PDB file of all heavy atoms in Angstrom:
ATOM      1  N   GLU A   1       0.857  -1.183  -0.017  1.00  0.00           N
ATOM      2  CA  GLU A   1      -0.002   0.021   0.003  1.00  0.00           C
ATOM      3  C   GLU A   1       0.872   1.243   0.005  1.00  0.00           C
ATOM      4  O   GLU A   1       1.825   1.359   0.815  1.00  0.00           O
ATOM      5  CB  GLU A   1      -0.889   0.049   1.245  1.00  0.00           C
ATOM      6  CG  GLU A   1      -1.908  -1.049   1.347  1.00  0.00           C
ATOM      7  CD  GLU A   1      -2.713  -0.952   2.627  1.00  0.00           C
ATOM      8  OE1 GLU A   1      -2.341  -0.118   3.516  1.00  0.00           O
ATOM      9  OE2 GLU A   1      -3.707  -1.664   2.762  1.00  0.00           O
ATOM     10  N   TYR A   2       0.591   2.165  -0.927  1.00  0.00           N
ATOM     11  CA  TYR A   2       1.255   3.452  -0.957  1.00  0.00           C
ATOM     12  C   TYR A   2       0.180   4.556  -0.842  1.00  0.00           C
ATOM     13  O   TYR A   2      -0.818   4.489  -1.600  1.00  0.00           O
ATOM     14  CB  TYR A   2       2.052   3.671  -2.221  1.00  0.00           C
ATOM     15  CG  TYR A   2       3.135   2.674  -2.467  1.00  0.00           C
ATOM     16  CD1 TYR A   2       2.947   1.578  -3.295  1.00  0.00           C
ATOM     17  CD2 TYR A   2       4.422   2.817  -1.861  1.00  0.00           C
ATOM     18  CE1 TYR A   2       3.947   0.633  -3.549  1.00  0.00           C
ATOM     19  CE2 TYR A   2       5.422   1.887  -2.123  1.00  0.00           C
ATOM     20  CZ  TYR A   2       5.190   0.831  -2.936  1.00  0.00           C
ATOM     21  OH  TYR A   2       6.192  -0.113  -3.175  1.00  0.00           O
ATOM     22  N   VAL A   3       0.398   5.526  -0.011  1.00  0.00           N
ATOM     23  CA  VAL A   3      -0.486   6.684   0.051  1.00  0.00           C
ATOM     24  C   VAL A   3       0.329   7.868  -0.479  1.00  0.00           C
ATOM     25  O   VAL A   3       1.371   8.204   0.030  1.00  0.00           O
ATOM     26  CB  VAL A   3      -1.007   6.988   1.434  1.00  0.00           C
ATOM     27  CG1 VAL A   3      -1.797   8.278   1.465  1.00  0.00           C
ATOM     28  CG2 VAL A   3      -1.853   5.838   1.958  1.00  0.00           C
ATOM     29  N   VAL A   4      -0.184   8.483  -1.573  1.00  0.00           N
ATOM     30  CA  VAL A   4       0.453   9.604  -2.214  1.00  0.00           C
ATOM     31  C   VAL A   4      -0.308  10.864  -1.914  1.00  0.00           C
ATOM     32  O   VAL A   4      -1.519  10.929  -2.144  1.00  0.00           O
ATOM     33  CB  VAL A   4       0.552   9.376  -3.750  1.00  0.00           C
ATOM     34  CG1 VAL A   4       1.149  10.615  -4.403  1.00  0.00           C
ATOM     35  CG2 VAL A   4       1.383   8.140  -4.067  1.00  0.00           C
ATOM     36  N   ALA A   5       0.364  11.864  -1.339  1.00  0.00           N
ATOM     37  CA  ALA A   5      -0.212  13.208  -1.122  1.00  0.00           C
ATOM     38  C   ALA A   5       0.047  14.008  -2.386  1.00  0.00           C
ATOM     39  O   ALA A   5       1.167  14.384  -2.670  1.00  0.00           O
ATOM     40  CB  ALA A   5       0.416  13.843   0.080  1.00  0.00           C
ATOM     41  N   LEU A   6      -1.024  14.300  -3.112  1.00  0.00           N
ATOM     42  CA  LEU A   6      -0.874  14.967  -4.407  1.00  0.00           C
ATOM     43  C   LEU A   6      -0.370  16.381  -4.243  1.00  0.00           C
ATOM     44  O   LEU A   6       0.458  16.884  -5.058  1.00  0.00           O
ATOM     45  CB  LEU A   6      -2.204  14.976  -5.161  1.00  0.00           C
ATOM     46  CG  LEU A   6      -2.728  13.579  -5.525  1.00  0.00           C
ATOM     47  CD1 LEU A   6      -4.094  13.717  -6.256  1.00  0.00           C
ATOM     48  CD2 LEU A   6      -1.760  12.854  -6.452  1.00  0.00           C
ATOM     49  N   GLN A   7      -0.793  17.071  -3.162  1.00  0.00           N
ATOM     50  CA  GLN A   7      -0.328  18.459  -2.985  1.00  0.00           C
ATOM     51  C   GLN A   7       1.146  18.528  -2.682  1.00  0.00           C
ATOM     52  O   GLN A   7       1.792  19.534  -2.980  1.00  0.00           O
ATOM     53  CB  GLN A   7      -1.176  19.151  -1.927  1.00  0.00           C
ATOM     54  CG  GLN A   7      -0.944  18.672  -0.508  1.00  0.00           C
ATOM     55  CD  GLN A   7      -1.686  17.373  -0.202  1.00  0.00           C
ATOM     56  OE1 GLN A   7      -2.347  16.820  -1.039  1.00  0.00           O
ATOM     57  NE2 GLN A   7      -1.624  16.945   1.043  1.00  0.00           N
ATOM     58  N   ASP A   8       1.690  17.424  -2.110  1.00  0.00           N
ATOM     59  CA  ASP A   8       3.137  17.383  -1.778  1.00  0.00           C
ATOM     60  C   ASP A   8       3.929  16.677  -2.822  1.00  0.00           C
ATOM     61  O   ASP A   8       5.180  16.628  -2.733  1.00  0.00           O
ATOM     62  CB  ASP A   8       3.332  16.730  -0.406  1.00  0.00           C
ATOM     63  CG  ASP A   8       2.642  17.436   0.721  1.00  0.00           C
ATOM     64  OD1 ASP A   8       2.575  18.708   0.639  1.00  0.00           O
ATOM     65  OD2 ASP A   8       2.182  16.792   1.657  1.00  0.00           O
ATOM     66  N   ASP A   9       3.248  16.029  -3.772  1.00  0.00           N
ATOM     67  CA  ASP A   9       3.926  15.255  -4.810  1.00  0.00           C
ATOM     68  C   ASP A   9       4.860  14.222  -4.188  1.00  0.00           C
ATOM     69  O   ASP A   9       5.986  14.056  -4.608  1.00  0.00           O
ATOM     70  CB  ASP A   9       4.724  16.195  -5.696  1.00  0.00           C
ATOM     71  CG  ASP A   9       5.102  15.535  -7.035  1.00  0.00           C
ATOM     72  OD1 ASP A   9       4.331  14.709  -7.532  1.00  0.00           O
ATOM     73  OD2 ASP A   9       6.218  15.817  -7.564  1.00  0.00           O
ATOM     74  N   ALA A  10       4.313  13.478  -3.145  1.00  0.00           N
ATOM     75  CA  ALA A  10       5.214  12.609  -2.354  1.00  0.00           C
ATOM     76  C   ALA A  10       4.427  11.453  -1.807  1.00  0.00           C
ATOM     77  O   ALA A  10       3.206  11.530  -1.549  1.00  0.00           O
ATOM     78  CB  ALA A  10       5.871  13.380  -1.257  1.00  0.00           C
ATOM     79  N   ILE A  11       5.168  10.365  -1.583  1.00  0.00           N
ATOM     80  CA  ILE A  11       4.625   9.209  -0.862  1.00  0.00           C
ATOM     81  C   ILE A  11       4.678   9.550   0.619  1.00  0.00           C
ATOM     82  O   ILE A  11       5.748   9.870   1.168  1.00  0.00           O
ATOM     83  CB  ILE A  11       5.408   7.925  -1.151  1.00  0.00           C
ATOM     84  CG1 ILE A  11       5.318   7.576  -2.647  1.00  0.00           C
ATOM     85  CG2 ILE A  11       4.896   6.770  -0.326  1.00  0.00           C
ATOM     86  CD1 ILE A  11       6.285   6.490  -3.064  1.00  0.00           C
ATOM     87  N   VAL A  12       3.547   9.437   1.345  1.00  0.00           N
ATOM     88  CA  VAL A  12       3.515   9.789   2.735  1.00  0.00           C
ATOM     89  C   VAL A  12       3.265   8.580   3.652  1.00  0.00           C
ATOM     90  O   VAL A  12       3.350   8.652   4.879  1.00  0.00           O
ATOM     91  CB  VAL A  12       2.462  10.863   3.051  1.00  0.00           C
ATOM     92  CG1 VAL A  12       2.866  12.177   2.381  1.00  0.00           C
ATOM     93  CG2 VAL A  12       1.062  10.407   2.614  1.00  0.00           C
ATOM     94  N   ASP A  13       2.972   7.410   3.015  1.00  0.00           N
ATOM     95  CA  ASP A  13       2.791   6.183   3.807  1.00  0.00           C
ATOM     96  C   ASP A  13       3.066   4.987   2.904  1.00  0.00           C
ATOM     97  O   ASP A  13       2.761   5.023   1.698  1.00  0.00           O
ATOM     98  CB  ASP A  13       1.367   6.111   4.393  1.00  0.00           C
ATOM     99  CG  ASP A  13       1.274   5.085   5.503  1.00  0.00           C
ATOM    100  OD1 ASP A  13       2.300   4.617   6.031  1.00  0.00           O
ATOM    101  OD2 ASP A  13       0.127   4.705   5.825  1.00  0.00           O
ATOM    102  N   GLU A  14       3.636   3.943   3.483  1.00  0.00           N
ATOM    103  CA  GLU A  14       3.995   2.746   2.737  1.00  0.00           C
ATOM    104  C   GLU A  14       3.872   1.556   3.680  1.00  0.00           C
ATOM    105  O   GLU A  14       4.468   1.589   4.777  1.00  0.00           O
ATOM    106  CB  GLU A  14       5.440   2.885   2.191  1.00  0.00           C
ATOM    107  CG  GLU A  14       5.894   1.693   1.374  1.00  0.00           C
ATOM    108  CD  GLU A  14       7.287   1.926   0.768  1.00  0.00           C
ATOM    109  OE1 GLU A  14       7.682   3.088   0.658  1.00  0.00           O
ATOM    110  OE2 GLU A  14       7.934   0.914   0.453  1.00  0.00           O
ATOM    111  N   ARG A  15       3.200   0.516   3.220  1.00  0.00           N
ATOM    112  CA  ARG A  15       3.021  -0.679   4.087  1.00  0.00           C
ATOM    113  C   ARG A  15       2.770  -1.901   3.216  1.00  0.00           C
ATOM    114  O   ARG A  15       2.002  -1.894   2.290  1.00  0.00           O
ATOM    115  CB  ARG A  15       1.809  -0.490   4.998  1.00  0.00           C
ATOM    116  CG  ARG A  15       1.526  -1.607   5.975  1.00  0.00           C
ATOM    117  CD  ARG A  15       0.233  -1.368   6.738  1.00  0.00           C
ATOM    118  NE  ARG A  15      -0.946  -1.727   5.989  1.00  0.00           N
ATOM    119  CZ  ARG A  15      -1.588  -2.918   6.071  1.00  0.00           C
ATOM    120  NH1 ARG A  15      -1.140  -3.818   6.919  1.00  0.00           N
ATOM    121  NH2 ARG A  15      -2.623  -3.142   5.336  1.00  0.00           N
ATOM    122  N   VAL A  16       3.540  -2.963   3.495  1.00  0.00           N
ATOM    123  CA  VAL A  16       3.331  -4.235   2.844  1.00  0.00           C
ATOM    124  C   VAL A  16       2.095  -4.900   3.335  1.00  0.00           C
ATOM    125  O   VAL A  16       1.860  -4.947   4.546  1.00  0.00           O
ATOM    126  CB  VAL A  16       4.546  -5.162   3.006  1.00  0.00           C
ATOM    127  CG1 VAL A  16       4.319  -6.559   2.407  1.00  0.00           C
ATOM    128  CG2 VAL A  16       5.817  -4.532   2.333  1.00  0.00           C
ATOM    129  N   VAL A  17       1.258  -5.424   2.464  1.00  0.00           N
ATOM    130  CA  VAL A  17       0.047  -6.151   2.882  1.00  0.00           C
ATOM    131  C   VAL A  17       0.464  -7.534   3.406  1.00  0.00           C
ATOM    132  O   VAL A  17       1.057  -8.319   2.641  1.00  0.00           O
ATOM    133  CB  VAL A  17      -0.941  -6.309   1.707  1.00  0.00           C
ATOM    134  CG1 VAL A  17      -2.159  -7.104   2.148  1.00  0.00           C
ATOM    135  CG2 VAL A  17      -1.330  -4.944   1.177  1.00  0.00           C
ATOM    136  N   PRO A  18       0.230  -7.852   4.669  1.00  0.00           N
ATOM    137  CA  PRO A  18       0.801  -9.096   5.224  1.00  0.00           C
ATOM    138  C   PRO A  18      -0.078 -10.283   4.890  1.00  0.00           C
ATOM    139  O   PRO A  18      -0.875 -10.801   5.705  1.00  0.00           O
ATOM    140  CB  PRO A  18       0.715  -8.793   6.753  1.00  0.00           C
ATOM    141  CG  PRO A  18      -0.396  -7.840   6.896  1.00  0.00           C
ATOM    142  CD  PRO A  18      -0.453  -7.026   5.657  1.00  0.00           C
ATOM    143  N   SER A  19       0.122 -10.839   3.707  1.00  0.00           N
ATOM    144  CA  SER A  19      -0.703 -11.957   3.223  1.00  0.00           C
ATOM    145  C   SER A  19      -0.208 -13.315   3.682  1.00  0.00           C
ATOM    146  O   SER A  19      -0.836 -14.295   3.393  1.00  0.00           O
ATOM    147  CB  SER A  19      -0.774 -11.913   1.727  1.00  0.00           C
ATOM    148  OG  SER A  19       0.510 -12.072   1.150  1.00  0.00           O
ATOM    149  N   ASP A  20       0.951 -13.360   4.362  1.00  0.00           N
ATOM    150  CA  ASP A  20       1.471 -14.653   4.802  1.00  0.00           C
ATOM    151  C   ASP A  20       1.444 -14.839   6.305  1.00  0.00           C
ATOM    152  O   ASP A  20       2.084 -15.752   6.855  1.00  0.00           O
ATOM    153  CB  ASP A  20       2.916 -14.828   4.262  1.00  0.00           C
ATOM    154  CG  ASP A  20       3.849 -13.738   4.711  1.00  0.00           C
ATOM    155  OD1 ASP A  20       3.327 -12.754   5.283  1.00  0.00           O
ATOM    156  OD2 ASP A  20       5.069 -13.881   4.501  1.00  0.00           O
ATOM    157  N   THR A  21       0.807 -13.921   7.018  1.00  0.00           N
ATOM    158  CA  THR A  21       0.637 -14.081   8.481  1.00  0.00           C
ATOM    159  C   THR A  21      -0.836 -14.040   8.785  1.00  0.00           C
ATOM    160  O   THR A  21      -1.648 -13.359   8.149  1.00  0.00           O
ATOM    161  CB  THR A  21       1.354 -12.919   9.221  1.00  0.00           C
ATOM    162  OG1 THR A  21       0.846 -11.666   8.739  1.00  0.00           O
ATOM    163  CG2 THR A  21       2.855 -12.950   8.991  1.00  0.00           C
ATOM    164  N   PHE A  22      -1.237 -14.805   9.772  1.00  0.00           N
ATOM    165  CA  PHE A  22      -2.634 -14.948  10.150  1.00  0.00           C
ATOM    166  C   PHE A  22      -3.215 -13.596  10.527  1.00  0.00           C
ATOM    167  O   PHE A  22      -2.583 -12.831  11.227  1.00  0.00           O
ATOM    168  CB  PHE A  22      -2.763 -15.946  11.293  1.00  0.00           C
ATOM    169  CG  PHE A  22      -4.185 -16.311  11.633  1.00  0.00           C
ATOM    170  CD1 PHE A  22      -4.793 -17.380  10.927  1.00  0.00           C
ATOM    171  CD2 PHE A  22      -4.915 -15.695  12.598  1.00  0.00           C
ATOM    172  CE1 PHE A  22      -6.103 -17.741  11.180  1.00  0.00           C
ATOM    173  CE2 PHE A  22      -6.251 -16.026  12.866  1.00  0.00           C
ATOM    174  CZ  PHE A  22      -6.790 -17.068  12.177  1.00  0.00           C
ATOM    175  N   PRO A  23      -4.442 -13.251  10.080  1.00  0.00           N
ATOM    176  CA  PRO A  23      -5.386 -14.069   9.326  1.00  0.00           C
ATOM    177  C   PRO A  23      -5.328 -13.892   7.790  1.00  0.00           C
ATOM    178  O   PRO A  23      -6.288 -14.088   7.114  1.00  0.00           O
ATOM    179  CB  PRO A  23      -6.714 -13.572   9.855  1.00  0.00           C
ATOM    180  CG  PRO A  23      -6.497 -12.119  10.167  1.00  0.00           C
ATOM    181  CD  PRO A  23      -5.068 -12.018  10.587  1.00  0.00           C
ATOM    182  N   TYR A  24      -4.177 -13.529   7.266  1.00  0.00           N
ATOM    183  CA  TYR A  24      -3.915 -13.500   5.849  1.00  0.00           C
ATOM    184  C   TYR A  24      -4.747 -12.434   5.127  1.00  0.00           C
ATOM    185  O   TYR A  24      -4.978 -11.372   5.665  1.00  0.00           O
ATOM    186  CB  TYR A  24      -4.110 -14.885   5.228  1.00  0.00           C
ATOM    187  CG  TYR A  24      -3.590 -16.021   6.066  1.00  0.00           C
ATOM    188  CD1 TYR A  24      -4.459 -16.918   6.695  1.00  0.00           C
ATOM    189  CD2 TYR A  24      -2.217 -16.151   6.286  1.00  0.00           C
ATOM    190  CE1 TYR A  24      -3.989 -17.895   7.490  1.00  0.00           C
ATOM    191  CE2 TYR A  24      -1.730 -17.179   7.093  1.00  0.00           C
ATOM    192  CZ  TYR A  24      -2.603 -18.063   7.695  1.00  0.00           C
ATOM    193  OH  TYR A  24      -2.150 -19.048   8.514  1.00  0.00           O
ATOM    194  N   GLY A  25      -5.154 -12.699   3.915  1.00  0.00           N
ATOM    195  CA  GLY A  25      -5.900 -11.734   3.098  1.00  0.00           C
ATOM    196  C   GLY A  25      -5.100 -11.302   1.922  1.00  0.00           C
ATOM    197  O   GLY A  25      -3.903 -11.047   2.002  1.00  0.00           O
TER     198      GLY A  25
END
């Protein structure tokens, strides 16, 4: 997951989706 702030032209958050740890998804 990346959250981009358009007014700042920048990535403000980054997180790997944990699909290999319970409860998956």
